[in-house]
Amino acid sequence: MSATVDIVLPVYNEEKALPRSIVILTEFLKAYLRNPWQIVIADNASTDDTRAVSEMLREKYPGVNYLYLPQKGRGRALRAAWMESTADIVSYMDIDLSTDLAHFPQLMDAMESGYDVAIGSRLSKGSRVRRSLKREVTSRVYNLMVKSMFLTPFPDAQCGFKALTRQAALAIVPKIKNNGWFFDTELLIIAAKRGYKIKSLPVKWDDDPTSTVNIARTAAEDIKGLLRLRFGGIPRVDPPVDFSSNTGSPIDNNWPPPRRLEP
């Protein structure tokens, strides 16, 4: 039996994007993913009609669930959804589906072949990226800072397309202090420096021109987080589970039926 997976969509004021993205994602997963799956819309304190739209989608599409959080923060949304999950693999992607969905089964293949974490990378050889020069330069400079400060093996910390085993999530996520955009980077730095195996996959990625992310504010948050880890120390976590002596799969296939996530 294939590993089970939760796909989390962290959202804030996405009433317009949700219906289209859910239709595209559910149709893709039904057609191309062999793993049992569920989608979790993780709403971090939206002030528009995101909640009503999400509840409508939950009723309409089997396998779509909804989780409401009263505070903002993408990292906070991922933390809550992943810590409640009972899936073998937890993952997330951006609601705009900027990363080509054809790469998602590749993430699952990497996870089932023994990696603890699998990530999309816009900065790997073979990636095809369309975005503004400003965003491209900002991303490359930031990831160069990460690599030079921590000697990490992954090329792209920020691509919103990631998966990790439940064991890795339970070990690492409680140690992450950031609840915003730096959550991704902090997760990967801790994982890399504490011996977790990370697979980076080149992806096709198209920038969302309607994105409301404030680059300057996000960059300041990221730099503050890097300095905290560099001079405050990287937290110790339980080491990755060694399955080399186990003939079974590193994935736990005990999967309960899909559940409703209520606020």
C-alpha atoms as a PDB file:
ATOM      1  CA  MET A   1       0.000   0.000   0.000  1.00  0.00           C
ATOM      2  CA  SER A   2       1.269   3.465  -0.906  1.00  0.00           C
ATOM      3  CA  ALA A   3       2.050   6.020   1.776  1.00  0.00           C
ATOM      4  CA  THR A   4      -0.768   8.375   2.717  1.00  0.00           C
ATOM      5  CA  VAL A   5      -0.331  12.119   2.285  1.00  0.00           C
ATOM      6  CA  ASP A   6      -1.879  15.336   3.550  1.00  0.00           C
ATOM      7  CA  ILE A   7      -1.557  18.309   1.191  1.00  0.00           C
ATOM      8  CA  VAL A   8      -1.921  21.558   3.118  1.00  0.00           C
ATOM      9  CA  LEU A   9      -2.905  24.792   1.393  1.00  0.00           C
ATOM     10  CA  PRO A  10      -2.144  27.717   3.729  1.00  0.00           C
ATOM     11  CA  VAL A  11      -4.427  30.611   2.798  1.00  0.00           C
ATOM     12  CA  TYR A  12      -5.180  34.159   3.821  1.00  0.00           C
ATOM     13  CA  ASN A  13      -8.004  36.042   2.077  1.00  0.00           C
ATOM     14  CA  GLU A  14      -8.104  33.682  -0.916  1.00  0.00           C
ATOM     15  CA  GLU A  15     -11.846  33.530  -1.582  1.00  0.00           C
ATOM     16  CA  LYS A  16     -11.277  34.115  -5.312  1.00  0.00           C
ATOM     17  CA  ALA A  17      -8.363  31.708  -5.849  1.00  0.00           C
ATOM     18  CA  LEU A  18      -9.708  28.772  -3.840  1.00  0.00           C
ATOM     19  CA  PRO A  19     -12.463  27.380  -6.114  1.00  0.00           C
ATOM     20  CA  ARG A  20     -10.287  27.210  -9.226  1.00  0.00           C
ATOM     21  CA  SER A  21      -7.249  25.840  -7.392  1.00  0.00           C
ATOM     22  CA  ILE A  22      -9.245  23.153  -5.575  1.00  0.00           C
ATOM     23  CA  VAL A  23     -10.825  21.961  -8.831  1.00  0.00           C
ATOM     24  CA  ILE A  24      -7.437  21.780 -10.578  1.00  0.00           C
ATOM     25  CA  LEU A  25      -5.711  20.106  -7.627  1.00  0.00           C
ATOM     26  CA  THR A  26      -8.379  17.508  -6.901  1.00  0.00           C
ATOM     27  CA  GLU A  27      -8.648  16.515 -10.563  1.00  0.00           C
ATOM     28  CA  PHE A  28      -4.878  16.182 -10.806  1.00  0.00           C
ATOM     29  CA  LEU A  29      -4.562  14.091  -7.650  1.00  0.00           C
ATOM     30  CA  LYS A  30      -7.350  11.749  -8.716  1.00  0.00           C
ATOM     31  CA  ALA A  31      -5.730  11.228 -12.097  1.00  0.00           C
ATOM     32  CA  TYR A  32      -2.024  11.092 -11.288  1.00  0.00           C
ATOM     33  CA  LEU A  33      -1.350  10.317  -7.619  1.00  0.00           C
ATOM     34  CA  ARG A  34      -1.461   6.702  -6.474  1.00  0.00           C
ATOM     35  CA  ASN A  35      -1.159   7.687  -2.788  1.00  0.00           C
ATOM     36  CA  PRO A  36      -4.286   8.011  -0.648  1.00  0.00           C
ATOM     37  CA  TRP A  37      -4.569  11.747  -0.080  1.00  0.00           C
ATOM     38  CA  GLN A  38      -6.535  14.542   1.499  1.00  0.00           C
ATOM     39  CA  ILE A  39      -6.320  18.305   1.023  1.00  0.00           C
ATOM     40  CA  VAL A  40      -6.412  20.570   4.074  1.00  0.00           C
ATOM     41  CA  ILE A  41      -7.257  24.240   3.548  1.00  0.00           C
ATOM     42  CA  ALA A  42      -5.457  25.924   6.450  1.00  0.00           C
ATOM     43  CA  ASP A  43      -7.040  29.339   6.870  1.00  0.00           C
ATOM     44  CA  ASN A  44      -4.887  31.639   8.953  1.00  0.00           C
ATOM     45  CA  ALA A  45      -7.339  34.327  10.082  1.00  0.00           C
ATOM     46  CA  SER A  46      -8.827  35.395   6.753  1.00  0.00           C
ATOM     47  CA  THR A  47     -11.107  38.425   6.891  1.00  0.00           C
ATOM     48  CA  ASP A  48     -12.922  37.893   3.587  1.00  0.00           C
ATOM     49  CA  ASP A  49     -15.236  35.003   2.613  1.00  0.00           C
ATOM     50  CA  THR A  50     -12.455  32.406   2.578  1.00  0.00           C
ATOM     51  CA  ARG A  51     -14.150  30.467   5.378  1.00  0.00           C
ATOM     52  CA  ALA A  52     -17.519  30.232   3.647  1.00  0.00           C
ATOM     53  CA  VAL A  53     -15.898  29.286   0.340  1.00  0.00           C
ATOM     54  CA  SER A  54     -13.722  26.653   2.044  1.00  0.00           C
ATOM     55  CA  GLU A  55     -16.692  25.083   3.812  1.00  0.00           C
ATOM     56  CA  MET A  56     -18.576  24.949   0.538  1.00  0.00           C
ATOM     57  CA  LEU A  57     -15.629  23.226  -1.125  1.00  0.00           C
ATOM     58  CA  ARG A  58     -15.342  20.788   1.777  1.00  0.00           C
ATOM     59  CA  GLU A  59     -18.950  19.754   1.269  1.00  0.00           C
ATOM     60  CA  LYS A  60     -18.598  19.490  -2.505  1.00  0.00           C
ATOM     61  CA  TYR A  61     -15.317  17.609  -2.876  1.00  0.00           C
ATOM     62  CA  PRO A  62     -14.520  14.391  -0.961  1.00  0.00           C
ATOM     63  CA  GLY A  63     -11.041  14.529   0.492  1.00  0.00           C
ATOM     64  CA  VAL A  64     -11.067  18.309   1.016  1.00  0.00           C
ATOM     65  CA  ASN A  65     -11.033  19.500   4.633  1.00  0.00           C
ATOM     66  CA  TYR A  66     -10.838  22.849   6.372  1.00  0.00           C
ATOM     67  CA  LEU A  67      -8.906  24.126   9.370  1.00  0.00           C
ATOM     68  CA  TYR A  68      -9.377  27.637  10.766  1.00  0.00           C
ATOM     69  CA  LEU A  69      -6.726  29.444  12.816  1.00  0.00           C
ATOM     70  CA  PRO A  70      -7.548  32.724  14.581  1.00  0.00           C
ATOM     71  CA  GLN A  71      -4.041  34.152  14.016  1.00  0.00           C
ATOM     72  CA  LYS A  72      -2.133  34.990  10.845  1.00  0.00           C
ATOM     73  CA  GLY A  73       1.082  33.341   9.735  1.00  0.00           C
ATOM     74  CA  ARG A  74       1.858  30.757   7.075  1.00  0.00           C
ATOM     75  CA  GLY A  75       4.193  28.906   9.405  1.00  0.00           C
ATOM     76  CA  ARG A  76       1.508  28.860  12.095  1.00  0.00           C
ATOM     77  CA  ALA A  77      -0.946  27.321   9.620  1.00  0.00           C
ATOM     78  CA  LEU A  78       1.507  24.622   8.573  1.00  0.00           C
ATOM     79  CA  ARG A  79       2.433  23.867  12.168  1.00  0.00           C
ATOM     80  CA  ALA A  80      -1.204  23.345  13.176  1.00  0.00           C
ATOM     81  CA  ALA A  81      -2.147  21.242  10.153  1.00  0.00           C
ATOM     82  CA  TRP A  82       0.953  19.070  10.229  1.00  0.00           C
ATOM     83  CA  MET A  83       0.840  18.452  13.970  1.00  0.00           C
ATOM     84  CA  GLU A  84      -2.798  17.301  13.708  1.00  0.00           C
ATOM     85  CA  SER A  85      -2.103  15.065  10.737  1.00  0.00           C
ATOM     86  CA  THR A  86      -2.093  11.282  10.923  1.00  0.00           C
ATOM     87  CA  ALA A  87      -0.790  10.858   7.368  1.00  0.00           C
ATOM     88  CA  ASP A  88       2.517   9.143   6.598  1.00  0.00           C
ATOM     89  CA  ILE A  89       3.668  12.202   4.643  1.00  0.00           C
ATOM     90  CA  VAL A  90       2.756  15.837   5.232  1.00  0.00           C
ATOM     91  CA  SER A  91       3.209  18.406   2.504  1.00  0.00           C
ATOM     92  CA  TYR A  92       2.148  21.819   1.342  1.00  0.00           C
ATOM     93  CA  MET A  93       1.940  23.950  -1.757  1.00  0.00           C
ATOM     94  CA  ASP A  94       0.974  27.542  -2.463  1.00  0.00           C
ATOM     95  CA  ILE A  95      -2.660  28.195  -3.278  1.00  0.00           C
ATOM     96  CA  ASP A  96      -1.759  29.846  -6.601  1.00  0.00           C
ATOM     97  CA  LEU A  97      -0.243  26.517  -7.772  1.00  0.00           C
ATOM     98  CA  SER A  98       2.816  28.343  -9.093  1.00  0.00           C
ATOM     99  CA  THR A  99       4.765  25.074  -9.095  1.00  0.00           C
ATOM    100  CA  ASP A 100       3.709  22.702 -11.868  1.00  0.00           C
ATOM    101  CA  LEU A 101       1.652  19.926 -10.270  1.00  0.00           C
ATOM    102  CA  ALA A 102       3.430  17.355 -12.455  1.00  0.00           C
ATOM    103  CA  HIS A 103       6.268  17.527  -9.897  1.00  0.00           C
ATOM    104  CA  PHE A 104       4.132  16.449  -6.946  1.00  0.00           C
ATOM    105  CA  PRO A 105       4.301  12.694  -7.669  1.00  0.00           C
ATOM    106  CA  GLN A 106       8.081  13.187  -7.873  1.00  0.00           C
ATOM    107  CA  LEU A 107       8.052  14.510  -4.300  1.00  0.00           C
ATOM    108  CA  MET A 108       6.152  11.396  -3.230  1.00  0.00           C
ATOM    109  CA  ASP A 109       8.598   9.119  -5.046  1.00  0.00           C
ATOM    110  CA  ALA A 110      11.498  10.790  -3.214  1.00  0.00           C
ATOM    111  CA  MET A 111       9.773  10.358   0.132  1.00  0.00           C
ATOM    112  CA  GLU A 112       9.014   6.696  -0.486  1.00  0.00           C
ATOM    113  CA  SER A 113      12.599   6.023  -1.580  1.00  0.00           C
ATOM    114  CA  GLY A 114      13.933   6.957   1.854  1.00  0.00           C
ATOM    115  CA  TYR A 115      14.268  10.735   2.031  1.00  0.00           C
ATOM    116  CA  ASP A 116      13.042  12.547   5.128  1.00  0.00           C
ATOM    117  CA  VAL A 117      12.282  15.795   3.296  1.00  0.00           C
ATOM    118  CA  ALA A 118      11.652  16.560  -0.396  1.00  0.00           C
ATOM    119  CA  ILE A 119      11.456  20.078  -1.796  1.00  0.00           C
ATOM    120  CA  GLY A 120      10.904  21.832  -5.075  1.00  0.00           C
ATOM    121  CA  SER A 121      13.811  23.987  -6.187  1.00  0.00           C
ATOM    122  CA  ARG A 122      13.659  26.900  -8.591  1.00  0.00           C
ATOM    123  CA  LEU A 123      17.433  27.283  -8.481  1.00  0.00           C
ATOM    124  CA  SER A 124      18.492  23.779  -9.524  1.00  0.00           C
ATOM    125  CA  LYS A 125      19.831  22.845 -12.930  1.00  0.00           C
ATOM    126  CA  GLY A 126      16.862  21.909 -15.066  1.00  0.00           C
ATOM    127  CA  SER A 127      14.400  24.223 -13.341  1.00  0.00           C
ATOM    128  CA  ARG A 128      12.242  26.433 -15.548  1.00  0.00           C
ATOM    129  CA  VAL A 129      11.264  29.646 -13.813  1.00  0.00           C
ATOM    130  CA  ARG A 130       9.320  32.681 -14.949  1.00  0.00           C
ATOM    131  CA  ARG A 131       9.393  35.641 -12.574  1.00  0.00           C
ATOM    132  CA  SER A 132      10.511  39.257 -12.391  1.00  0.00           C
ATOM    133  CA  LEU A 133      14.197  40.156 -12.276  1.00  0.00           C
ATOM    134  CA  LYS A 134      13.714  41.711  -8.828  1.00  0.00           C
ATOM    135  CA  ARG A 135      12.310  38.493  -7.385  1.00  0.00           C
ATOM    136  CA  GLU A 136      14.955  36.379  -9.105  1.00  0.00           C
ATOM    137  CA  VAL A 137      17.838  38.448  -7.731  1.00  0.00           C
ATOM    138  CA  THR A 138      16.293  38.618  -4.251  1.00  0.00           C
ATOM    139  CA  SER A 139      15.843  34.838  -4.164  1.00  0.00           C
ATOM    140  CA  ARG A 140      19.368  34.089  -5.333  1.00  0.00           C
ATOM    141  CA  VAL A 141      20.958  36.498  -2.858  1.00  0.00           C
ATOM    142  CA  TYR A 142      18.921  35.116   0.027  1.00  0.00           C
ATOM    143  CA  ASN A 143      19.690  31.493  -0.748  1.00  0.00           C
ATOM    144  CA  LEU A 144      23.373  32.348  -1.128  1.00  0.00           C
ATOM    145  CA  MET A 145      23.232  33.811   2.388  1.00  0.00           C
ATOM    146  CA  VAL A 146      21.664  30.609   3.720  1.00  0.00           C
ATOM    147  CA  LYS A 147      24.297  28.432   2.075  1.00  0.00           C
ATOM    148  CA  SER A 148      27.251  30.592   3.162  1.00  0.00           C
ATOM    149  CA  MET A 149      26.069  30.933   6.772  1.00  0.00           C
ATOM    150  CA  PHE A 150      25.092  27.295   7.357  1.00  0.00           C
ATOM    151  CA  LEU A 151      26.812  25.265   4.589  1.00  0.00           C
ATOM    152  CA  THR A 152      23.492  23.672   3.704  1.00  0.00           C
ATOM    153  CA  PRO A 153      23.084  21.316   0.716  1.00  0.00           C
ATOM    154  CA  PHE A 154      19.727  22.543  -0.594  1.00  0.00           C
ATOM    155  CA  PRO A 155      19.689  25.299  -3.263  1.00  0.00           C
ATOM    156  CA  ASP A 156      16.258  26.847  -2.647  1.00  0.00           C
ATOM    157  CA  ALA A 157      14.755  27.278   0.814  1.00  0.00           C
ATOM    158  CA  GLN A 158      11.677  29.247  -0.149  1.00  0.00           C
ATOM    159  CA  CYS A 159       9.830  27.373  -2.888  1.00  0.00           C
ATOM    160  CA  GLY A 160       6.297  26.714  -1.639  1.00  0.00           C
ATOM    161  CA  PHE A 161       6.346  23.040  -2.557  1.00  0.00           C
ATOM    162  CA  LYS A 162       7.573  20.704   0.177  1.00  0.00           C
ATOM    163  CA  ALA A 163       6.951  17.321   1.792  1.00  0.00           C
ATOM    164  CA  LEU A 164       8.328  15.499   4.822  1.00  0.00           C
ATOM    165  CA  THR A 165       7.666  12.322   6.728  1.00  0.00           C
ATOM    166  CA  ARG A 166       5.414  12.481   9.746  1.00  0.00           C
ATOM    167  CA  GLN A 167       8.380  11.373  11.874  1.00  0.00           C
ATOM    168  CA  ALA A 168      10.460  14.313  10.612  1.00  0.00           C
ATOM    169  CA  ALA A 169       7.591  16.750  11.170  1.00  0.00           C
ATOM    170  CA  LEU A 170       7.002  15.569  14.739  1.00  0.00           C
ATOM    171  CA  ALA A 171      10.713  15.913  15.538  1.00  0.00           C
ATOM    172  CA  ILE A 172      11.466  19.229  13.844  1.00  0.00           C
ATOM    173  CA  VAL A 173       8.330  21.395  13.718  1.00  0.00           C
ATOM    174  CA  PRO A 174       7.957  21.829  17.516  1.00  0.00           C
ATOM    175  CA  LYS A 175      11.490  23.280  17.548  1.00  0.00           C
ATOM    176  CA  ILE A 176      10.736  25.935  14.924  1.00  0.00           C
ATOM    177  CA  LYS A 177      10.212  29.360  16.463  1.00  0.00           C
ATOM    178  CA  ASN A 178       9.069  31.316  13.422  1.00  0.00           C
ATOM    179  CA  ASN A 179       5.364  31.330  12.502  1.00  0.00           C
ATOM    180  CA  GLY A 180       5.670  33.340   9.303  1.00  0.00           C
ATOM    181  CA  TRP A 181       7.569  33.123   6.029  1.00  0.00           C
ATOM    182  CA  PHE A 182      10.884  32.075   7.627  1.00  0.00           C
ATOM    183  CA  PHE A 183       9.259  28.826   8.793  1.00  0.00           C
ATOM    184  CA  ASP A 184      10.397  27.018   5.609  1.00  0.00           C
ATOM    185  CA  THR A 185      14.009  28.055   5.917  1.00  0.00           C
ATOM    186  CA  GLU A 186      14.168  27.247   9.615  1.00  0.00           C
ATOM    187  CA  LEU A 187      12.705  23.802   8.948  1.00  0.00           C
ATOM    188  CA  LEU A 188      15.285  23.025   6.274  1.00  0.00           C
ATOM    189  CA  ILE A 189      18.278  24.345   8.215  1.00  0.00           C
ATOM    190  CA  ILE A 190      17.372  22.266  11.264  1.00  0.00           C
ATOM    191  CA  ALA A 191      16.740  19.196   9.095  1.00  0.00           C
ATOM    192  CA  ALA A 192      20.010  19.543   7.190  1.00  0.00           C
ATOM    193  CA  LYS A 193      22.194  20.206  10.235  1.00  0.00           C
ATOM    194  CA  ARG A 194      20.634  17.373  12.260  1.00  0.00           C
ATOM    195  CA  GLY A 195      21.161  14.631   9.716  1.00  0.00           C
ATOM    196  CA  TYR A 196      17.848  14.442   7.872  1.00  0.00           C
ATOM    197  CA  LYS A 197      18.044  13.461   4.213  1.00  0.00           C
ATOM    198  CA  ILE A 198      16.759  16.202   1.898  1.00  0.00           C
ATOM    199  CA  LYS A 199      15.961  15.740  -1.786  1.00  0.00           C
ATOM    200  CA  SER A 200      15.819  18.841  -4.009  1.00  0.00           C
ATOM    201  CA  LEU A 201      13.890  18.515  -7.264  1.00  0.00           C
ATOM    202  CA  PRO A 202      14.054  21.004 -10.157  1.00  0.00           C
ATOM    203  CA  VAL A 203      10.632  22.396 -10.971  1.00  0.00           C
ATOM    204  CA  LYS A 204       8.720  24.441 -13.496  1.00  0.00           C
ATOM    205  CA  TRP A 205       7.521  27.529 -11.638  1.00  0.00           C
ATOM    206  CA  ASP A 206       5.541  30.564 -12.808  1.00  0.00           C
ATOM    207  CA  ASP A 207       5.327  33.660 -10.645  1.00  0.00           C
ATOM    208  CA  ASP A 208       1.878  34.809  -9.581  1.00  0.00           C
ATOM    209  CA  PRO A 209       1.613  38.467 -10.673  1.00  0.00           C
ATOM    210  CA  THR A 210      -1.195  39.066  -8.155  1.00  0.00           C
ATOM    211  CA  SER A 211       0.892  37.959  -5.159  1.00  0.00           C
ATOM    212  CA  THR A 212       0.523  40.264  -2.159  1.00  0.00           C
ATOM    213  CA  VAL A 213       3.745  39.177  -0.444  1.00  0.00           C
ATOM    214  CA  ASN A 214       5.687  42.188   0.803  1.00  0.00           C
ATOM    215  CA  ILE A 215       9.247  41.443  -0.343  1.00  0.00           C
ATOM    216  CA  ALA A 216      10.952  43.998   1.917  1.00  0.00           C
ATOM    217  CA  ARG A 217       9.094  42.912   5.063  1.00  0.00           C
ATOM    218  CA  THR A 218       9.617  39.229   4.265  1.00  0.00           C
ATOM    219  CA  ALA A 219      13.334  39.786   3.618  1.00  0.00           C
ATOM    220  CA  ALA A 220      13.735  41.548   6.963  1.00  0.00           C
ATOM    221  CA  GLU A 221      11.982  38.672   8.745  1.00  0.00           C
ATOM    222  CA  ASP A 222      14.197  36.147   6.948  1.00  0.00           C
ATOM    223  CA  ILE A 223      17.451  37.930   7.803  1.00  0.00           C
ATOM    224  CA  LYS A 224      16.397  38.236  11.436  1.00  0.00           C
ATOM    225  CA  GLY A 225      15.707  34.503  11.497  1.00  0.00           C
ATOM    226  CA  LEU A 226      19.046  33.633   9.908  1.00  0.00           C
ATOM    227  CA  LEU A 227      20.917  35.706  12.473  1.00  0.00           C
ATOM    228  CA  ARG A 228      18.953  34.082  15.309  1.00  0.00           C
ATOM    229  CA  LEU A 229      19.946  30.604  14.165  1.00  0.00           C
ATOM    230  CA  ARG A 230      23.516  31.574  13.336  1.00  0.00           C
ATOM    231  CA  PHE A 231      24.318  33.190  16.671  1.00  0.00           C
ATOM    232  CA  GLY A 232      21.662  31.654  18.925  1.00  0.00           C
ATOM    233  CA  GLY A 233      22.296  28.102  17.812  1.00  0.00           C
ATOM    234  CA  ILE A 234      20.381  25.463  15.888  1.00  0.00           C
ATOM    235  CA  PRO A 235      18.089  23.453  18.162  1.00  0.00           C
ATOM    236  CA  ARG A 236      18.771  19.789  18.736  1.00  0.00           C
ATOM    237  CA  VAL A 237      16.090  17.368  17.630  1.00  0.00           C
ATOM    238  CA  ASP A 238      15.580  13.632  17.716  1.00  0.00           C
ATOM    239  CA  PRO A 239      17.723  12.052  14.968  1.00  0.00           C
ATOM    240  CA  PRO A 240      16.034  10.625  11.883  1.00  0.00           C
ATOM    241  CA  VAL A 241      14.752   7.095  12.280  1.00  0.00           C
ATOM    242  CA  ASP A 242      17.123   4.516  10.786  1.00  0.00           C
ATOM    243  CA  PHE A 243      15.186   1.935   8.813  1.00  0.00           C
ATOM    244  CA  SER A 244      18.263   0.262   7.322  1.00  0.00           C
ATOM    245  CA  SER A 245      17.760  -2.822   9.481  1.00  0.00           C
ATOM    246  CA  ASN A 246      14.022  -2.969   8.833  1.00  0.00           C
ATOM    247  CA  THR A 247      12.759  -4.860   5.819  1.00  0.00           C
ATOM    248  CA  GLY A 248       9.543  -2.915   5.873  1.00  0.00           C
ATOM    249  CA  SER A 249       8.797   0.522   4.509  1.00  0.00           C
ATOM    250  CA  PRO A 250       9.782   3.637   6.487  1.00  0.00           C
ATOM    251  CA  ILE A 251       6.217   4.762   5.960  1.00  0.00           C
ATOM    252  CA  ASP A 252       3.500   3.834   8.424  1.00  0.00           C
ATOM    253  CA  ASN A 253       0.518   2.616   6.443  1.00  0.00           C
ATOM    254  CA  ASN A 254      -2.006   2.795   9.258  1.00  0.00           C
ATOM    255  CA  TRP A 255      -4.358   5.291   7.689  1.00  0.00           C
ATOM    256  CA  PRO A 256      -7.670   6.278   9.275  1.00  0.00           C
ATOM    257  CA  PRO A 257     -10.563   7.438   7.093  1.00  0.00           C
ATOM    258  CA  PRO A 258     -10.566  11.139   6.120  1.00  0.00           C
ATOM    259  CA  ARG A 259     -11.556  13.378   8.998  1.00  0.00           C
ATOM    260  CA  ARG A 260     -13.248  16.730   9.300  1.00  0.00           C
ATOM    261  CA  LEU A 261     -11.095  19.457  10.728  1.00  0.00           C
ATOM    262  CA  GLU A 262     -13.237  21.861  12.650  1.00  0.00           C
ATOM    263  CA  PRO A 263     -12.193  25.269  14.009  1.00  0.00           C
END
